[in-house]
Amino acid sequence: MGLADIQEKQSEERKREKRLVHVTNALSRDFLEGRHFSKKTQAYKDTAEYVIKSLLDYLFFEQHKELREIKNDHVEHFMLDFAPRKMRFATAVVKQVPEIMEAFLIFLESSGHINNGIELSVTVKNKSREFLKLMSREKTTQKKTTAKKPTSPKKLATKKRPEVKAGRNDPCPCGSGKKYKKCCGSIT
C-alpha cells in the first residue's frame, strides 16, 4: 500500500467521521425538538442529548456501523457494557436513561431512519433492570474510591472538580449531562 493509498483512506475516514458527527447532531436536535420533549425540563433534555449522542457515537465509532445496521446486540452491549464503563450519571437521572433510549429508537423508526426501532425499544425495556443494577453498582464503587466529605461549610458551597481528566468537549464526569467546559471545567 503506497503513501497515496494511505492518504486517500485517511481522507475517506475523515469524511465519514464528519458526516457521522453531522448526522448525530441533526438526529439529536430533531429528537429533542419533538413532541416527547415539549413539557420536559432542561435537565432532562440535557440528559437525553448526552444519552443519544453517546449511543450514536458508540454505534458509529466503537462498532463502525451505520444507523440502519443497528441490532439488538448493539443496544444490549451499549446498555450492559459500554454505558456502565464509560458514562456517568447522577443517581436520579439513571432511571431516565432507558426511557430516553426507548423513545429515541421509536423516533428513529417513525422518521424512517431504521426499520426495527420498536423491536430495539423492547430490548431496552427488557434490559433496563440489569442496566439500572449495573449503574448503581458502578456508582457505589465510584463513591467508595473517590468520595471525600468536605469539613467546612465553605467547601460545601463550592463545586468540587472531579478527579477524572476530561476533555473540554467531553461530557462532564460529575454526571450533570453538560459539557465539561460548561460545568466543572469553568470553575477556577
Protein backbone atom coordinates (compact mmCIF):
# COMPACT_ATOMS: atom_id res chain seq x y z
CA MET A 1 0.00 0.00 0.00
CA GLY A 2 1.52 3.25 -1.12
CA LEU A 3 1.52 6.64 0.54
CA ALA A 4 -1.19 7.91 -1.81
CA ASP A 5 -3.45 4.98 -0.86
CA ILE A 6 -2.94 5.64 2.86
CA GLN A 7 -3.70 9.34 2.45
CA GLU A 8 -6.83 8.56 0.41
CA LYS A 9 -8.02 6.11 3.06
CA GLN A 10 -7.41 8.68 5.83
CA SER A 11 -9.26 11.31 3.82
CA GLU A 12 -12.23 8.97 3.35
CA GLU A 13 -12.24 8.19 7.07
CA ARG A 14 -12.23 11.91 7.94
CA LYS A 15 -15.15 12.48 5.56
CA ARG A 16 -17.05 9.60 7.18
CA GLU A 17 -16.39 10.97 10.67
CA LYS A 18 -17.51 14.44 9.64
CA ARG A 19 -20.70 13.05 8.07
CA LEU A 20 -21.47 10.94 11.14
CA VAL A 21 -20.95 13.87 13.52
CA HIS A 22 -23.36 15.88 11.37
CA VAL A 23 -25.89 13.01 11.44
CA THR A 24 -25.54 12.71 15.24
CA ASN A 25 -26.13 16.43 15.76
CA ALA A 26 -29.09 16.55 13.35
CA LEU A 27 -30.79 13.48 14.85
CA SER A 28 -30.37 14.68 18.43
CA ARG A 29 -31.67 18.14 17.51
CA ASP A 30 -34.71 16.71 15.69
CA PHE A 31 -35.47 14.34 18.55
CA LEU A 32 -35.14 17.00 21.24
CA GLU A 33 -37.42 19.36 19.33
CA GLY A 34 -40.11 16.66 19.05
CA ARG A 35 -43.35 16.39 20.99
CA HIS A 36 -41.83 13.97 23.52
CA PHE A 37 -39.83 16.86 24.99
CA SER A 38 -42.33 19.70 24.87
CA LYS A 39 -43.01 19.60 28.64
CA LYS A 40 -39.67 18.26 29.86
CA THR A 41 -37.17 20.20 31.94
CA GLN A 42 -33.88 21.44 30.54
CA ALA A 43 -32.00 18.97 32.76
CA TYR A 44 -34.00 16.10 31.22
CA LYS A 45 -33.23 17.41 27.72
CA ASP A 46 -29.52 17.66 28.56
CA THR A 47 -29.54 14.08 29.81
CA ALA A 48 -31.37 12.95 26.67
CA GLU A 49 -28.83 14.68 24.45
CA TYR A 50 -25.95 13.04 26.34
CA VAL A 51 -27.56 9.59 26.06
CA ILE A 52 -28.44 9.96 22.36
CA LYS A 53 -25.04 11.26 21.32
CA SER A 54 -23.29 8.57 23.38
CA LEU A 55 -25.40 5.84 21.78
CA LEU A 56 -24.73 7.14 18.28
CA ASP A 57 -21.01 7.64 18.95
CA TYR A 58 -20.85 4.09 20.26
CA LEU A 59 -22.58 2.76 17.16
CA PHE A 60 -20.63 4.85 14.64
CA PHE A 61 -17.15 4.94 16.15
CA GLU A 62 -16.87 1.96 18.52
CA GLN A 63 -18.79 -0.56 16.40
CA HIS A 64 -18.10 1.09 13.00
CA LYS A 65 -21.72 0.57 11.95
CA GLU A 66 -24.17 2.76 10.09
CA LEU A 67 -27.53 3.68 11.60
CA ARG A 68 -29.51 1.12 9.58
CA GLU A 69 -27.18 -1.63 10.83
CA ILE A 70 -28.15 -1.26 14.49
CA LYS A 71 -29.24 -4.57 16.02
CA ASN A 72 -30.41 -5.86 19.40
CA ASP A 73 -26.86 -6.94 20.22
CA HIS A 74 -25.61 -3.37 19.82
CA VAL A 75 -28.29 -1.96 22.10
CA GLU A 76 -27.70 -4.66 24.69
CA HIS A 77 -23.91 -4.20 24.62
CA PHE A 78 -24.31 -0.42 24.90
CA MET A 79 -26.56 -0.76 27.96
CA LEU A 80 -24.75 -3.57 29.78
CA ASP A 81 -21.12 -2.94 28.93
CA PHE A 82 -20.34 0.42 27.32
CA ALA A 83 -22.57 2.75 29.37
CA PRO A 84 -21.62 1.37 32.81
CA ARG A 85 -17.93 1.65 31.96
CA LYS A 86 -17.84 4.95 30.08
CA MET A 87 -20.85 7.05 31.07
CA ARG A 88 -21.57 8.85 34.34
CA PHE A 89 -24.99 9.94 35.54
CA ALA A 90 -26.39 11.49 38.67
CA THR A 91 -28.32 8.89 40.70
CA ALA A 92 -31.70 10.49 39.98
CA VAL A 93 -31.00 10.60 36.24
CA VAL A 94 -30.07 6.93 35.73
CA LYS A 95 -33.71 5.83 35.78
CA GLN A 96 -34.47 8.14 32.85
CA VAL A 97 -31.88 6.59 30.52
CA PRO A 98 -33.91 3.52 29.39
CA GLU A 99 -36.99 5.71 28.84
CA ILE A 100 -34.95 8.11 26.70
CA MET A 101 -33.41 5.27 24.69
CA GLU A 102 -36.82 3.68 24.03
CA ALA A 103 -38.28 6.99 22.85
CA PHE A 104 -35.26 7.67 20.64
CA LEU A 105 -35.37 4.25 18.96
CA ILE A 106 -39.08 4.63 18.25
CA PHE A 107 -38.37 8.13 16.89
CA LEU A 108 -35.73 6.69 14.55
CA GLU A 109 -38.24 4.19 13.17
CA SER A 110 -41.07 6.70 12.84
CA SER A 111 -38.79 9.12 10.98
CA GLY A 112 -37.67 6.36 8.58
CA HIS A 113 -34.03 6.06 9.67
CA ILE A 114 -34.32 2.44 10.84
CA ASN A 115 -36.87 -0.35 10.39
CA ASN A 116 -36.51 -2.11 13.75
CA GLY A 117 -36.97 0.69 16.29
CA ILE A 118 -39.87 -0.91 18.13
CA GLU A 119 -38.02 -4.22 18.37
CA LEU A 120 -34.94 -2.40 19.71
CA SER A 121 -37.06 -0.46 22.23
CA VAL A 122 -38.38 -3.79 23.55
CA THR A 123 -34.77 -4.88 24.05
CA VAL A 124 -34.12 -1.67 26.01
CA LYS A 125 -37.19 -2.33 28.17
CA ASN A 126 -36.10 -5.95 28.81
CA LYS A 127 -32.54 -4.95 29.75
CA SER A 128 -33.40 -1.84 31.78
CA ARG A 129 -33.41 -3.65 35.14
CA GLU A 130 -29.94 -5.10 34.52
CA PHE A 131 -28.75 -1.69 33.32
CA LEU A 132 -30.01 0.02 36.49
CA LYS A 133 -28.30 -2.58 38.68
CA LEU A 134 -25.02 -2.15 36.83
CA MET A 135 -25.19 1.63 37.01
CA SER A 136 -26.00 1.61 40.73
CA ARG A 137 -23.13 -0.81 41.35
CA GLU A 138 -20.80 1.44 39.37
CA LYS A 139 -21.91 4.47 41.41
CA THR A 140 -21.32 2.72 44.76
CA THR A 141 -17.89 1.54 43.63
CA GLN A 142 -17.04 5.04 42.48
CA LYS A 143 -18.25 6.58 45.75
CA LYS A 144 -16.05 4.29 47.82
CA THR A 145 -12.92 5.26 45.92
CA THR A 146 -13.42 8.98 45.35
CA ALA A 147 -15.86 10.23 47.97
CA LYS A 148 -14.37 12.81 50.34
CA LYS A 149 -16.54 14.76 52.73
CA PRO A 150 -15.79 18.47 52.99
CA THR A 151 -15.08 19.65 56.50
CA SER A 152 -16.10 23.29 56.36
CA PRO A 153 -19.33 24.96 55.18
CA LYS A 154 -17.27 26.96 52.69
CA LYS A 155 -16.22 23.75 50.95
CA LEU A 156 -19.85 22.61 50.82
CA ALA A 157 -20.85 25.73 48.92
CA THR A 158 -18.16 25.41 46.25
CA LYS A 159 -18.42 22.94 43.43
CA LYS A 160 -15.68 20.33 43.63
CA ARG A 161 -13.78 19.47 40.49
CA PRO A 162 -13.92 15.82 39.52
CA GLU A 163 -10.75 13.75 39.78
CA VAL A 164 -11.17 12.34 36.25
CA LYS A 165 -9.42 14.18 33.44
CA ALA A 166 -11.95 15.17 30.80
CA GLY A 167 -11.53 16.99 27.53
CA ARG A 168 -13.22 20.35 27.13
CA ASN A 169 -15.98 18.98 24.90
CA ASP A 170 -16.47 15.66 26.71
CA PRO A 171 -19.50 15.12 28.94
CA CYS A 172 -18.74 16.28 32.46
CA PRO A 173 -17.76 13.40 34.78
CA CYS A 174 -19.89 14.89 37.58
CA GLY A 175 -22.96 13.49 35.80
CA SER A 176 -24.73 16.77 35.05
CA GLY A 177 -25.08 15.93 31.36
CA LYS A 178 -23.39 19.18 30.35
CA LYS A 179 -20.09 19.53 28.53
CA TYR A 180 -17.08 19.71 30.84
CA LYS A 181 -16.21 23.24 29.70
CA LYS A 182 -19.71 24.48 30.64
CA CYS A 183 -19.80 22.68 34.00
CA CYS A 184 -16.84 21.77 36.21
CA GLY A 185 -14.30 23.00 33.64
CA SER A 186 -15.46 26.58 34.07
CA ILE A 187 -14.55 26.63 37.78
CA THR A 188 -11.21 28.26 38.52
